[in-house]
């Protein structure tokens, strides 16, 4: 499918047709990686791994725990 590069402020913009976006699995706000490969512009969706507290806590070990860190004396009406 042929489309045109447009101006967007001091940059250039490429409008992605809805059918192409759906096929690539991207929507408004989706992060993408843009780079040049052998003279061709490549746009790929970026998938970020889903992280939850349970999986993060499974990685906590005695070897990677640290002691409490002082943030200085209290200021104002802070209560410790």
Protein backbone atom coordinates (compact mmCIF):
# COMPACT_ATOMS: atom_id res chain seq x y z
CA UNK A 1 0.00 0.00 0.00
CA UNK A 2 1.41 3.39 -0.96
CA UNK A 3 1.09 6.39 1.37
CA UNK A 4 2.88 9.72 1.80
CA UNK A 5 5.20 11.21 4.38
CA UNK A 6 3.74 14.43 5.82
CA UNK A 7 5.18 17.29 7.87
CA UNK A 8 4.46 17.39 11.62
CA UNK A 9 6.10 20.49 13.10
CA UNK A 10 9.85 20.18 12.44
CA UNK A 11 9.54 16.41 11.98
CA UNK A 12 8.03 14.08 9.45
CA UNK A 13 5.07 11.78 10.04
CA UNK A 14 3.74 8.64 8.45
CA UNK A 15 0.03 7.88 8.69
CA UNK A 16 -0.58 4.18 9.06
CA UNK A 17 -3.81 2.90 7.50
CA UNK A 18 -6.15 1.17 9.97
CA UNK A 19 -5.92 -2.20 8.18
CA UNK A 20 -2.10 -2.17 8.33
CA UNK A 21 -2.12 -1.12 12.01
CA UNK A 22 -4.55 -3.91 12.87
CA UNK A 23 -2.47 -6.49 11.01
CA UNK A 24 0.68 -5.32 12.83
CA UNK A 25 -1.11 -5.31 16.19
CA UNK A 26 -0.59 -1.61 16.94
CA UNK A 27 -3.01 1.06 18.05
CA UNK A 28 -2.90 4.68 19.20
CA UNK A 29 -0.07 5.08 21.73
CA UNK A 30 1.64 1.76 20.95
CA UNK A 31 5.44 1.93 21.30
CA UNK A 32 7.33 1.13 18.09
CA UNK A 33 10.97 0.75 17.13
CA UNK A 34 12.02 2.65 13.99
CA UNK A 35 15.34 2.00 12.30
CA UNK A 36 16.96 1.74 8.88
CA UNK A 37 18.05 -1.65 7.56
CA UNK A 38 19.78 -1.86 4.16
CA UNK A 39 18.26 1.48 3.13
CA UNK A 40 14.72 0.48 4.16
CA UNK A 41 12.83 2.10 7.03
CA UNK A 42 11.62 -0.62 9.41
CA UNK A 43 8.85 0.05 11.94
CA UNK A 44 8.23 -2.75 14.45
CA UNK A 45 5.94 -2.91 17.49
CA UNK A 46 7.80 -3.04 20.81
CA UNK A 47 6.47 -5.56 23.28
CA UNK A 48 7.17 -4.86 26.93
CA UNK A 49 7.01 -7.82 29.28
CA UNK A 50 4.19 -7.79 31.80
CA UNK A 51 5.55 -7.45 35.32
CA UNK A 52 3.63 -8.10 38.52
CA UNK A 53 4.57 -7.82 42.17
CA UNK A 54 4.47 -11.58 42.78
CA UNK A 55 7.02 -12.31 40.04
CA UNK A 56 9.29 -9.50 41.27
CA UNK A 57 9.19 -10.71 44.87
CA UNK A 58 10.22 -14.22 43.75
CA UNK A 59 13.57 -12.68 42.75
CA UNK A 60 14.31 -11.29 46.23
CA UNK A 61 17.17 -13.14 47.94
CA UNK A 62 19.40 -12.43 50.92
CA UNK A 63 22.19 -11.68 48.46
CA UNK A 64 20.30 -8.82 46.81
CA UNK A 65 18.71 -7.20 49.87
CA UNK A 66 20.16 -3.96 51.15
CA UNK A 67 20.04 -2.25 54.51
CA UNK A 68 17.82 0.70 55.31
CA UNK A 69 18.92 3.95 53.75
CA UNK A 70 18.87 7.21 55.70
CA UNK A 71 17.06 9.99 53.90
CA UNK A 72 18.14 12.61 56.43
CA UNK A 73 16.42 14.31 59.33
CA UNK A 74 12.69 14.79 59.23
CA UNK A 75 11.35 18.10 58.01
CA UNK A 76 8.08 19.76 58.83
CA UNK A 77 5.49 17.57 60.54
CA UNK A 78 6.72 14.20 59.31
CA UNK A 79 6.30 11.42 61.85
CA UNK A 80 8.54 8.32 61.80
